[in-house]
PDB file of N, CA and C in Angstrom:
ATOM      1  N   MET A   1     -35.557  -6.927  98.595  1.00  0.00           N
ATOM      2  CA  MET A   1     -34.239  -6.287  98.231  1.00  0.00           C
ATOM      3  C   MET A   1     -33.432  -6.735  99.391  1.00  0.00           C
ATOM      4  N   ALA A   2     -32.180  -7.389  98.998  1.00  0.00           N
ATOM      5  CA  ALA A   2     -31.085  -7.576 100.044  1.00  0.00           C
ATOM      6  C   ALA A   2     -30.263  -6.407 100.344  1.00  0.00           C
ATOM      7  N   PHE A   3     -29.472  -6.696 101.531  1.00  0.00           N
ATOM      8  CA  PHE A   3     -28.473  -5.553 101.867  1.00  0.00           C
ATOM      9  C   PHE A   3     -27.625  -5.048 100.761  1.00  0.00           C
ATOM     10  N   ALA A   4     -27.104  -6.134  99.916  1.00  0.00           N
ATOM     11  CA  ALA A   4     -26.137  -5.732  99.007  1.00  0.00           C
ATOM     12  C   ALA A   4     -26.826  -4.630  97.875  1.00  0.00           C
ATOM     13  N   ASP A   5     -28.013  -5.090  97.624  1.00  0.00           N
ATOM     14  CA  ASP A   5     -28.825  -4.325  96.542  1.00  0.00           C
ATOM     15  C   ASP A   5     -29.069  -2.917  97.167  1.00  0.00           C
ATOM     16  N   ARG A   6     -29.520  -2.814  98.379  1.00  0.00           N
ATOM     17  CA  ARG A   6     -29.834  -1.605  98.984  1.00  0.00           C
ATOM     18  C   ARG A   6     -28.647  -0.722  99.182  1.00  0.00           C
ATOM     19  N   LEU A   7     -27.498  -1.404  99.478  1.00  0.00           N
ATOM     20  CA  LEU A   7     -26.175  -0.514  99.551  1.00  0.00           C
ATOM     21  C   LEU A   7     -25.709   0.014  98.281  1.00  0.00           C
ATOM     22  N   SER A   8     -25.810  -0.821  97.269  1.00  0.00           N
ATOM     23  CA  SER A   8     -25.529  -0.400  95.879  1.00  0.00           C
ATOM     24  C   SER A   8     -26.152   0.838  95.441  1.00  0.00           C
ATOM     25  N   PHE A   9     -27.693   0.581  95.709  1.00  0.00           N
ATOM     26  CA  PHE A   9     -28.573   1.548  95.205  1.00  0.00           C
ATOM     27  C   PHE A   9     -28.321   3.007  96.042  1.00  0.00           C
ATOM     28  N   ALA A  10     -28.256   2.869  97.374  1.00  0.00           N
ATOM     29  CA  ALA A  10     -28.120   4.140  98.064  1.00  0.00           C
ATOM     30  C   ALA A  10     -26.713   4.746  97.771  1.00  0.00           C
ATOM     31  N   ARG A  11     -25.700   4.063  97.570  1.00  0.00           N
ATOM     32  CA  ARG A  11     -24.491   4.638  97.233  1.00  0.00           C
ATOM     33  C   ARG A  11     -24.559   5.297  95.753  1.00  0.00           C
ATOM     34  N   LYS A  12     -25.273   4.690  94.797  1.00  0.00           N
ATOM     35  CA  LYS A  12     -25.397   5.221  93.492  1.00  0.00           C
ATOM     36  C   LYS A  12     -26.290   6.420  93.456  1.00  0.00           C
ATOM     37  N   GLN A  13     -27.313   6.503  94.277  1.00  0.00           N
ATOM     38  CA  GLN A  13     -28.115   7.564  94.483  1.00  0.00           C
ATOM     39  C   GLN A  13     -27.492   8.920  95.103  1.00  0.00           C
ATOM     40  N   LYS A  14     -26.441   8.550  95.861  1.00  0.00           N
ATOM     41  CA  LYS A  14     -25.592   9.609  96.466  1.00  0.00           C
ATOM     42  C   LYS A  14     -24.601  10.042  95.580  1.00  0.00           C
ATOM     43  N   LYS A  15     -24.368   9.275  94.466  1.00  0.00           N
ATOM     44  CA  LYS A  15     -23.170   9.382  93.567  1.00  0.00           C
ATOM     45  C   LYS A  15     -21.932   9.435  94.211  1.00  0.00           C
ATOM     46  N   ILE A  16     -21.702   8.390  95.159  1.00  0.00           N
ATOM     47  CA  ILE A  16     -20.435   8.189  95.743  1.00  0.00           C
ATOM     48  C   ILE A  16     -19.848   7.009  95.216  1.00  0.00           C
ATOM     49  N   ARG A  17     -18.463   7.065  94.913  1.00  0.00           N
ATOM     50  CA  ARG A  17     -17.827   5.853  94.300  1.00  0.00           C
ATOM     51  C   ARG A  17     -17.570   4.916  95.603  1.00  0.00           C
ATOM     52  N   GLN A  18     -17.286   3.764  95.181  1.00  0.00           N
ATOM     53  CA  GLN A  18     -17.000   2.640  96.242  1.00  0.00           C
ATOM     54  C   GLN A  18     -15.785   2.938  96.998  1.00  0.00           C
ATOM     55  N   ALA A  19     -14.618   3.484  96.329  1.00  0.00           N
ATOM     56  CA  ALA A  19     -13.452   3.848  96.971  1.00  0.00           C
ATOM     57  C   ALA A  19     -13.812   4.958  97.991  1.00  0.00           C
ATOM     58  N   ASP A  20     -14.449   5.992  97.551  1.00  0.00           N
ATOM     59  CA  ASP A  20     -14.912   7.146  98.602  1.00  0.00           C
ATOM     60  C   ASP A  20     -15.707   6.550  99.838  1.00  0.00           C
ATOM     61  N   LEU A  21     -16.720   5.835  99.539  1.00  0.00           N
ATOM     62  CA  LEU A  21     -17.455   5.161 100.652  1.00  0.00           C
ATOM     63  C   LEU A  21     -16.533   4.442 101.338  1.00  0.00           C
ATOM     64  N   GLY A  22     -15.508   3.616 100.918  1.00  0.00           N
ATOM     65  CA  GLY A  22     -14.594   2.847 101.817  1.00  0.00           C
ATOM     66  C   GLY A  22     -13.811   3.785 102.737  1.00  0.00           C
ATOM     67  N   LYS A  23     -13.264   4.885 102.114  1.00  0.00           N
ATOM     68  CA  LYS A  23     -12.608   5.959 102.989  1.00  0.00           C
ATOM     69  C   LYS A  23     -13.459   6.358 104.011  1.00  0.00           C
ATOM     70  N   LEU A  24     -14.608   6.873 103.787  1.00  0.00           N
ATOM     71  CA  LEU A  24     -15.474   7.379 104.747  1.00  0.00           C
ATOM     72  C   LEU A  24     -15.855   6.432 105.947  1.00  0.00           C
ATOM     73  N   VAL A  25     -15.830   5.081 105.606  1.00  0.00           N
ATOM     74  CA  VAL A  25     -16.127   4.189 106.650  1.00  0.00           C
ATOM     75  C   VAL A  25     -15.027   3.463 107.226  1.00  0.00           C
ATOM     76  N   GLY A  26     -13.791   3.744 106.796  1.00  0.00           N
ATOM     77  CA  GLY A  26     -12.555   3.099 107.340  1.00  0.00           C
ATOM     78  C   GLY A  26     -12.274   1.802 106.646  1.00  0.00           C
ATOM     79  N   THR A  27     -12.688   1.473 105.395  1.00  0.00           N
ATOM     80  CA  THR A  27     -12.276   0.414 104.683  1.00  0.00           C
ATOM     81  C   THR A  27     -11.921   0.748 103.359  1.00  0.00           C
ATOM     82  N   SER A  28     -11.878  -0.217 102.387  1.00  0.00           N
ATOM     83  CA  SER A  28     -11.508  -0.017 101.128  1.00  0.00           C
ATOM     84  C   SER A  28     -12.731  -0.057 100.078  1.00  0.00           C
ATOM     85  N   GLY A  29     -12.408   0.549  98.885  1.00  0.00           N
ATOM     86  CA  GLY A  29     -13.370   0.343  98.000  1.00  0.00           C
ATOM     87  C   GLY A  29     -13.837  -1.103  97.446  1.00  0.00           C
ATOM     88  N   ASP A  30     -12.741  -1.881  97.440  1.00  0.00           N
ATOM     89  CA  ASP A  30     -12.835  -3.351  97.274  1.00  0.00           C
ATOM     90  C   ASP A  30     -13.754  -4.030  98.115  1.00  0.00           C
ATOM     91  N   ILE A  31     -13.579  -3.735  99.416  1.00  0.00           N
ATOM     92  CA  ILE A  31     -14.441  -4.285 100.452  1.00  0.00           C
ATOM     93  C   ILE A  31     -15.942  -3.939 100.269  1.00  0.00           C
ATOM     94  N   ILE A  32     -16.099  -2.645 100.048  1.00  0.00           N
ATOM     95  CA  ILE A  32     -17.435  -2.170  99.637  1.00  0.00           C
ATOM     96  C   ILE A  32     -18.002  -2.843  98.410  1.00  0.00           C
ATOM     97  N   GLY A  33     -17.295  -3.083  97.341  1.00  0.00           N
ATOM     98  CA  GLY A  33     -17.688  -3.864  96.302  1.00  0.00           C
ATOM     99  C   GLY A  33     -18.115  -5.282  96.672  1.00  0.00           C
ATOM    100  N   LYS A  34     -17.394  -5.969  97.507  1.00  0.00           N
ATOM    101  CA  LYS A  34     -17.686  -7.360  98.081  1.00  0.00           C
ATOM    102  C   LYS A  34     -19.011  -7.254  98.431  1.00  0.00           C
ATOM    103  N   TYR A  35     -19.397  -6.158  99.513  1.00  0.00           N
ATOM    104  CA  TYR A  35     -20.582  -6.086 100.231  1.00  0.00           C
ATOM    105  C   TYR A  35     -21.717  -5.884  99.233  1.00  0.00           C
ATOM    106  N   GLU A  36     -21.494  -5.061  98.304  1.00  0.00           N
ATOM    107  CA  GLU A  36     -22.535  -4.928  97.003  1.00  0.00           C
ATOM    108  C   GLU A  36     -22.636  -6.121  96.364  1.00  0.00           C
ATOM    109  N   ARG A  37     -21.751  -6.969  96.226  1.00  0.00           N
ATOM    110  CA  ARG A  37     -21.935  -8.209  95.261  1.00  0.00           C
ATOM    111  C   ARG A  37     -22.427  -9.444  96.375  1.00  0.00           C
ATOM    112  N   GLY A  38     -22.581  -9.166  97.538  1.00  0.00           N
ATOM    113  CA  GLY A  38     -22.992 -10.011  98.587  1.00  0.00           C
ATOM    114  C   GLY A  38     -21.978 -11.317  98.851  1.00  0.00           C
ATOM    115  N   GLU A  39     -20.723 -10.934  98.482  1.00  0.00           N
ATOM    116  CA  GLU A  39     -19.548 -11.739  98.905  1.00  0.00           C
ATOM    117  C   GLU A  39     -19.254 -11.752 100.372  1.00  0.00           C
ATOM    118  N   ASN A  40     -19.387 -10.589 100.948  1.00  0.00           N
ATOM    119  CA  ASN A  40     -19.078 -10.361 102.336  1.00  0.00           C
ATOM    120  C   ASN A  40     -20.132  -9.589 103.096  1.00  0.00           C
ATOM    121  N   THR A  41     -20.268  -9.781 104.267  1.00  0.00           N
ATOM    122  CA  THR A  41     -21.378  -8.908 105.077  1.00  0.00           C
ATOM    123  C   THR A  41     -20.545  -8.221 106.124  1.00  0.00           C
ATOM    124  N   PRO A  42     -20.916  -6.874 106.232  1.00  0.00           N
ATOM    125  CA  PRO A  42     -20.082  -5.915 107.150  1.00  0.00           C
ATOM    126  C   PRO A  42     -20.559  -6.269 108.710  1.00  0.00           C
ATOM    127  N   SER A  43     -19.842  -6.157 109.584  1.00  0.00           N
ATOM    128  CA  SER A  43     -20.138  -6.044 111.027  1.00  0.00           C
ATOM    129  C   SER A  43     -21.221  -4.935 111.190  1.00  0.00           C
ATOM    130  N   ILE A  44     -21.912  -4.984 112.283  1.00  0.00           N
ATOM    131  CA  ILE A  44     -23.000  -4.074 112.588  1.00  0.00           C
ATOM    132  C   ILE A  44     -22.516  -2.728 112.783  1.00  0.00           C
ATOM    133  N   ASP A  45     -21.137  -2.613 113.356  1.00  0.00           N
ATOM    134  CA  ASP A  45     -20.341  -1.390 113.343  1.00  0.00           C
ATOM    135  C   ASP A  45     -19.996  -0.816 111.910  1.00  0.00           C
ATOM    136  N   VAL A  46     -19.714  -1.440 111.002  1.00  0.00           N
ATOM    137  CA  VAL A  46     -19.421  -0.952 109.824  1.00  0.00           C
ATOM    138  C   VAL A  46     -20.576  -0.617 109.125  1.00  0.00           C
ATOM    139  N   ALA A  47     -21.702  -1.546 109.063  1.00  0.00           N
ATOM    140  CA  ALA A  47     -22.973  -1.291 108.522  1.00  0.00           C
ATOM    141  C   ALA A  47     -23.537   0.106 109.118  1.00  0.00           C
ATOM    142  N   THR A  48     -23.272   0.396 110.280  1.00  0.00           N
ATOM    143  CA  THR A  48     -23.869   1.529 110.798  1.00  0.00           C
ATOM    144  C   THR A  48     -22.987   2.840 110.298  1.00  0.00           C
ATOM    145  N   LYS A  49     -21.792   2.578 110.039  1.00  0.00           N
ATOM    146  CA  LYS A  49     -21.040   3.674 109.581  1.00  0.00           C
ATOM    147  C   LYS A  49     -21.399   3.872 108.025  1.00  0.00           C
ATOM    148  N   ILE A  50     -21.697   2.799 107.399  1.00  0.00           N
ATOM    149  CA  ILE A  50     -22.125   2.938 105.935  1.00  0.00           C
ATOM    150  C   ILE A  50     -23.413   3.703 105.750  1.00  0.00           C
ATOM    151  N   ALA A  51     -24.405   3.398 106.745  1.00  0.00           N
ATOM    152  CA  ALA A  51     -25.587   3.937 106.785  1.00  0.00           C
ATOM    153  C   ALA A  51     -25.470   5.565 107.005  1.00  0.00           C
ATOM    154  N   ASP A  52     -24.607   5.856 107.918  1.00  0.00           N
ATOM    155  CA  ASP A  52     -24.440   7.163 108.276  1.00  0.00           C
ATOM    156  C   ASP A  52     -23.792   7.911 107.178  1.00  0.00           C
ATOM    157  N   ALA A  53     -22.881   7.395 106.440  1.00  0.00           N
ATOM    158  CA  ALA A  53     -22.113   8.004 105.488  1.00  0.00           C
ATOM    159  C   ALA A  53     -23.118   8.225 104.204  1.00  0.00           C
ATOM    160  N   LEU A  54     -24.039   7.284 103.959  1.00  0.00           N
ATOM    161  CA  LEU A  54     -25.023   7.458 102.829  1.00  0.00           C
ATOM    162  C   LEU A  54     -26.258   8.157 103.226  1.00  0.00           C
ATOM    163  N   GLY A  55     -26.361   8.647 104.419  1.00  0.00           N
ATOM    164  CA  GLY A  55     -27.538   9.527 105.014  1.00  0.00           C
ATOM    165  C   GLY A  55     -28.893   8.647 104.996  1.00  0.00           C
ATOM    166  N   VAL A  56     -28.658   7.095 105.380  1.00  0.00           N
ATOM    167  CA  VAL A  56     -29.867   6.465 105.307  1.00  0.00           C
ATOM    168  C   VAL A  56     -29.774   5.831 106.737  1.00  0.00           C
ATOM    169  N   THR A  57     -30.911   5.100 107.081  1.00  0.00           N
ATOM    170  CA  THR A  57     -31.040   4.511 108.391  1.00  0.00           C
ATOM    171  C   THR A  57     -30.388   3.086 108.273  1.00  0.00           C
ATOM    172  N   LEU A  58     -29.925   2.523 109.521  1.00  0.00           N
ATOM    173  CA  LEU A  58     -29.511   1.060 109.290  1.00  0.00           C
ATOM    174  C   LEU A  58     -30.754   0.305 108.816  1.00  0.00           C
ATOM    175  N   ASP A  59     -31.992   0.616 109.310  1.00  0.00           N
ATOM    176  CA  ASP A  59     -33.080  -0.195 109.074  1.00  0.00           C
ATOM    177  C   ASP A  59     -33.254  -0.408 107.585  1.00  0.00           C
ATOM    178  N   TYR A  60     -33.059   0.789 106.775  1.00  0.00           N
ATOM    179  CA  TYR A  60     -33.133   0.785 105.378  1.00  0.00           C
ATOM    180  C   TYR A  60     -32.192  -0.273 104.791  1.00  0.00           C
ATOM    181  N   LEU A  61     -30.990  -0.338 105.194  1.00  0.00           N
ATOM    182  CA  LEU A  61     -29.953  -1.142 104.701  1.00  0.00           C
ATOM    183  C   LEU A  61     -30.215  -2.759 104.957  1.00  0.00           C
ATOM    184  N   VAL A  62     -30.669  -2.952 106.227  1.00  0.00           N
ATOM    185  CA  VAL A  62     -30.937  -4.253 106.418  1.00  0.00           C
ATOM    186  C   VAL A  62     -32.288  -4.989 106.471  1.00  0.00           C
ATOM    187  N   LYS A  63     -33.341  -4.152 106.509  1.00  0.00           N
ATOM    188  CA  LYS A  63     -34.619  -4.695 106.615  1.00  0.00           C
ATOM    189  C   LYS A  63     -35.450  -4.537 105.553  1.00  0.00           C
ATOM    190  N   ASP A  64     -36.494  -5.418 105.192  1.00  0.00           N
ATOM    191  CA  ASP A  64     -37.705  -4.984 104.350  1.00  0.00           C
ATOM    192  C   ASP A  64     -38.747  -4.618 105.186  1.00  0.00           C
ATOM    193  N   GLY A  65     -39.339  -3.425 104.925  1.00  0.00           N
ATOM    194  CA  GLY A  65     -40.561  -2.942 105.597  1.00  0.00           C
ATOM    195  C   GLY A  65     -41.123  -1.811 104.913  1.00  0.00           C
ATOM    196  N   ALA A  66     -42.290  -1.357 105.373  1.00  0.00           N
ATOM    197  CA  ALA A  66     -43.047  -0.397 104.931  1.00  0.00           C
ATOM    198  C   ALA A  66     -42.283   0.919 104.890  1.00  0.00           C
ATOM    199  N   TYR A  67     -41.366   1.216 105.789  1.00  0.00           N
ATOM    200  CA  TYR A  67     -40.765   2.603 105.911  1.00  0.00           C
ATOM    201  C   TYR A  67     -39.318   2.395 105.561  1.00  0.00           C
ATOM    202  N   ASP A  68     -38.792   1.555 104.923  1.00  0.00           N
ATOM    203  CA  ASP A  68     -37.368   1.273 104.627  1.00  0.00           C
ATOM    204  C   ASP A  68     -36.769   2.275 103.885  1.00  0.00           C
ATOM    205  N   GLN A  69     -37.662   3.169 103.143  1.00  0.00           N
ATOM    206  CA  GLN A  69     -36.971   4.130 102.234  1.00  0.00           C
ATOM    207  C   GLN A  69     -36.843   5.548 102.951  1.00  0.00           C
ATOM    208  N   ILE A  70     -37.212   5.754 104.146  1.00  0.00           N
ATOM    209  CA  ILE A  70     -37.137   7.035 104.809  1.00  0.00           C
ATOM    210  C   ILE A  70     -35.720   7.252 105.104  1.00  0.00           C
ATOM    211  N   ASP A  71     -35.390   8.381 104.716  1.00  0.00           N
ATOM    212  CA  ASP A  71     -34.018   8.877 104.914  1.00  0.00           C
ATOM    213  C   ASP A  71     -33.905   9.562 106.396  1.00  0.00           C
ATOM    214  N   LYS A  72     -32.692   9.660 106.779  1.00  0.00           N
ATOM    215  CA  LYS A  72     -32.469  10.084 107.997  1.00  0.00           C
ATOM    216  C   LYS A  72     -33.088  11.481 108.470  1.00  0.00           C
ATOM    217  N   GLU A  73     -33.028  12.395 107.414  1.00  0.00           N
ATOM    218  CA  GLU A  73     -33.516  13.866 107.759  1.00  0.00           C
ATOM    219  C   GLU A  73     -34.979  13.732 107.932  1.00  0.00           C
ATOM    220  N   THR A  74     -35.733  12.955 107.107  1.00  0.00           N
ATOM    221  CA  THR A  74     -37.183  12.833 107.275  1.00  0.00           C
ATOM    222  C   THR A  74     -37.547  12.252 108.596  1.00  0.00           C
ATOM    223  N   LEU A  75     -36.658  11.143 109.020  1.00  0.00           N
ATOM    224  CA  LEU A  75     -37.026  10.455 110.112  1.00  0.00           C
ATOM    225  C   LEU A  75     -36.599  11.558 111.357  1.00  0.00           C
ATOM    226  N   GLN A  76     -35.791  12.114 111.486  1.00  0.00           N
ATOM    227  CA  GLN A  76     -35.499  13.073 112.364  1.00  0.00           C
ATOM    228  C   GLN A  76     -36.665  14.076 112.603  1.00  0.00           C
ATOM    229  N   ARG A  77     -37.157  14.629 111.454  1.00  0.00           N
ATOM    230  CA  ARG A  77     -38.319  15.542 111.528  1.00  0.00           C
ATOM    231  C   ARG A  77     -39.502  14.885 112.186  1.00  0.00           C
ATOM    232  N   LEU A  78     -39.664  13.784 111.703  1.00  0.00           N
ATOM    233  CA  LEU A  78     -40.913  12.866 112.487  1.00  0.00           C
ATOM    234  C   LEU A  78     -40.842  12.665 113.944  1.00  0.00           C
ATOM    235  N   LYS A  79     -39.453  12.555 114.347  1.00  0.00           N
ATOM    236  CA  LYS A  79     -39.435  12.437 115.778  1.00  0.00           C
ATOM    237  C   LYS A  79     -39.496  13.731 116.503  1.00  0.00           C
ATOM    238  N   ASP A  80     -39.050  14.795 115.648  1.00  0.00           N
ATOM    239  CA  ASP A  80     -39.197  16.118 116.280  1.00  0.00           C
ATOM    240  C   ASP A  80     -40.735  16.499 116.383  1.00  0.00           C
ATOM    241  N   ILE A  81     -41.515  16.164 115.254  1.00  0.00           N
ATOM    242  CA  ILE A  81     -42.971  16.322 115.447  1.00  0.00           C
ATOM    243  C   ILE A  81     -43.613  15.487 116.461  1.00  0.00           C
ATOM    244  N   GLN A  82     -43.245  14.314 116.978  1.00  0.00           N
ATOM    245  CA  GLN A  82     -43.813  13.555 117.822  1.00  0.00           C
ATOM    246  C   GLN A  82     -43.513  14.157 119.184  1.00  0.00           C
ATOM    247  N   LYS A  83     -42.509  15.011 119.419  1.00  0.00           N
ATOM    248  CA  LYS A  83     -42.414  15.808 120.644  1.00  0.00           C
ATOM    249  C   LYS A  83     -43.201  16.981 120.857  1.00  0.00           C
ATOM    250  N   LEU A  84     -43.773  17.418 119.883  1.00  0.00           N
ATOM    251  CA  LEU A  84     -44.679  18.649 119.953  1.00  0.00           C
ATOM    252  C   LEU A  84     -45.911  18.319 120.647  1.00  0.00           C
ATOM    253  N   SER A  85     -46.573  19.474 121.108  1.00  0.00           N
ATOM    254  CA  SER A  85     -47.805  19.327 121.811  1.00  0.00           C
ATOM    255  C   SER A  85     -49.018  18.782 120.922  1.00  0.00           C
ATOM    256  N   LYS A  86     -50.010  18.430 121.509  1.00  0.00           N
ATOM    257  CA  LYS A  86     -51.108  18.046 120.493  1.00  0.00           C
ATOM    258  C   LYS A  86     -51.617  19.132 119.555  1.00  0.00           C
ATOM    259  N   GLU A  87     -51.713  20.272 120.167  1.00  0.00           N
ATOM    260  CA  GLU A  87     -52.121  21.368 119.276  1.00  0.00           C
ATOM    261  C   GLU A  87     -51.085  21.655 118.244  1.00  0.00           C
ATOM    262  N   SER A  88     -49.923  21.747 118.508  1.00  0.00           N
ATOM    263  CA  SER A  88     -48.970  21.939 117.623  1.00  0.00           C
ATOM    264  C   SER A  88     -48.715  20.898 116.515  1.00  0.00           C
ATOM    265  N   LYS A  89     -49.010  19.796 116.918  1.00  0.00           N
ATOM    266  CA  LYS A  89     -48.934  18.481 116.015  1.00  0.00           C
ATOM    267  C   LYS A  89     -50.155  18.751 114.861  1.00  0.00           C
ATOM    268  N   GLU A  90     -51.229  19.104 115.406  1.00  0.00           N
ATOM    269  CA  GLU A  90     -52.486  19.440 114.604  1.00  0.00           C
ATOM    270  C   GLU A  90     -52.244  20.650 113.563  1.00  0.00           C
ATOM    271  N   HIS A  91     -51.510  21.490 113.860  1.00  0.00           N
ATOM    272  CA  HIS A  91     -51.182  22.615 113.037  1.00  0.00           C
ATOM    273  C   HIS A  91     -50.094  22.085 111.833  1.00  0.00           C
ATOM    274  N   VAL A  92     -49.231  21.270 112.395  1.00  0.00           N
ATOM    275  CA  VAL A  92     -48.164  20.745 111.450  1.00  0.00           C
ATOM    276  C   VAL A  92     -48.923  19.860 110.431  1.00  0.00           C
ATOM    277  N   PHE A  93     -49.653  18.943 110.956  1.00  0.00           N
ATOM    278  CA  PHE A  93     -50.514  17.922 110.107  1.00  0.00           C
ATOM    279  C   PHE A  93     -51.479  18.711 109.182  1.00  0.00           C
ATOM    280  N   ALA A  94     -52.007  19.788 109.619  1.00  0.00           N
ATOM    281  CA  ALA A  94     -53.024  20.597 108.813  1.00  0.00           C
ATOM    282  C   ALA A  94     -52.051  21.215 107.532  1.00  0.00           C
ATOM    283  N   LEU A  95     -50.932  21.683 107.969  1.00  0.00           N
ATOM    284  CA  LEU A  95     -50.105  22.316 106.821  1.00  0.00           C
ATOM    285  C   LEU A  95     -49.743  21.256 105.897  1.00  0.00           C
ATOM    286  N   LEU A  96     -49.213  20.029 106.486  1.00  0.00           N
ATOM    287  CA  LEU A  96     -48.789  19.028 105.395  1.00  0.00           C
ATOM    288  C   LEU A  96     -49.919  18.473 104.636  1.00  0.00           C
ATOM    289  N   ASP A  97     -51.091  18.224 105.279  1.00  0.00           N
ATOM    290  CA  ASP A  97     -52.187  17.943 104.344  1.00  0.00           C
ATOM    291  C   ASP A  97     -52.618  18.931 103.252  1.00  0.00           C
ATOM    292  N   ALA A  98     -52.441  20.189 103.509  1.00  0.00           N
ATOM    293  CA  ALA A  98     -52.787  21.237 102.432  1.00  0.00           C
ATOM    294  C   ALA A  98     -51.834  21.125 101.430  1.00  0.00           C
ATOM    295  N   PHE A  99     -50.497  20.956 101.863  1.00  0.00           N
ATOM    296  CA  PHE A  99     -49.401  20.875 100.747  1.00  0.00           C
ATOM    297  C   PHE A  99     -49.465  19.727 100.123  1.00  0.00           C
ATOM    298  N   ILE A 100     -49.726  18.607 100.677  1.00  0.00           N
ATOM    299  CA  ILE A 100     -49.857  17.290  99.818  1.00  0.00           C
ATOM    300  C   ILE A 100     -51.006  17.396  98.825  1.00  0.00           C
ATOM    301  N   LYS A 101     -52.228  17.894  99.387  1.00  0.00           N
ATOM    302  CA  LYS A 101     -53.285  18.057  98.582  1.00  0.00           C
ATOM    303  C   LYS A 101     -53.134  18.964  97.124  1.00  0.00           C
ATOM    304  N   GLN A 102     -52.317  19.991  97.557  1.00  0.00           N
ATOM    305  CA  GLN A 102     -51.946  20.857  96.395  1.00  0.00           C
ATOM    306  C   GLN A 102     -51.076  20.133  95.459  1.00  0.00           C
ATOM    307  N   SER A 103     -50.141  19.482  95.952  1.00  0.00           N
ATOM    308  CA  SER A 103     -49.168  18.758  95.028  1.00  0.00           C
ATOM    309  C   SER A 103     -49.876  17.767  94.174  1.00  0.00           C
ATOM    310  N   LYS A 104     -50.823  17.062  94.939  1.00  0.00           N
ATOM    311  CA  LYS A 104     -51.661  15.961  94.000  1.00  0.00           C
ATOM    312  C   LYS A 104     -52.391  16.609  92.990  1.00  0.00           C
ATOM    313  N   LEU A 105     -52.890  17.945  93.363  1.00  0.00           N
ATOM    314  CA  LEU A 105     -53.802  18.558  92.372  1.00  0.00           C
ATOM    315  C   LEU A 105     -53.102  19.116  91.169  1.00  0.00           C
ATOM    316  N   GLN A 106     -51.621  19.521  91.351  1.00  0.00           N
ATOM    317  CA  GLN A 106     -50.866  19.957  90.280  1.00  0.00           C
ATOM    318  C   GLN A 106     -50.357  18.688  89.435  1.00  0.00           C
ATOM    319  N   VAL A 107     -50.394  17.492  89.940  1.00  0.00           N
ATOM    320  CA  VAL A 107     -50.008  16.359  89.156  1.00  0.00           C
ATOM    321  C   VAL A 107     -51.218  16.108  88.179  1.00  0.00           C
ATOM    322  N   ILE A 108     -52.488  16.261  88.701  1.00  0.00           N
ATOM    323  CA  ILE A 108     -53.643  15.968  87.860  1.00  0.00           C
ATOM    324  C   ILE A 108     -53.751  16.890  86.758  1.00  0.00           C
ATOM    325  N   LEU A 109     -53.424  18.103  87.110  1.00  0.00           N
ATOM    326  CA  LEU A 109     -53.555  19.215  86.102  1.00  0.00           C
ATOM    327  C   LEU A 109     -52.400  19.055  85.175  1.00  0.00           C
TER     328      LEU A 109
END
């Protein structure tokens, strides 16, 4: 998926109009439309503002990768978990494992 496609997808997921996104990042809706059609490519500064406005990472907009769908909120939580002590991480992971297991069982039932 290209930058243009990711931008369009993320904007539509957030239910933001091109004009509104343009205002948030200091440009126009027409320019956002050109980015989404692949006619223009934003500078790194504008791409960063777009990512911030949409609540996604810059990596999501510009890269193909295994974790390109991680939103900023989840990414920040992962960074916070990394800072915990080994024992605290084990507790967090045990809780997550239990929750994920329960969610998978509910889907099966």
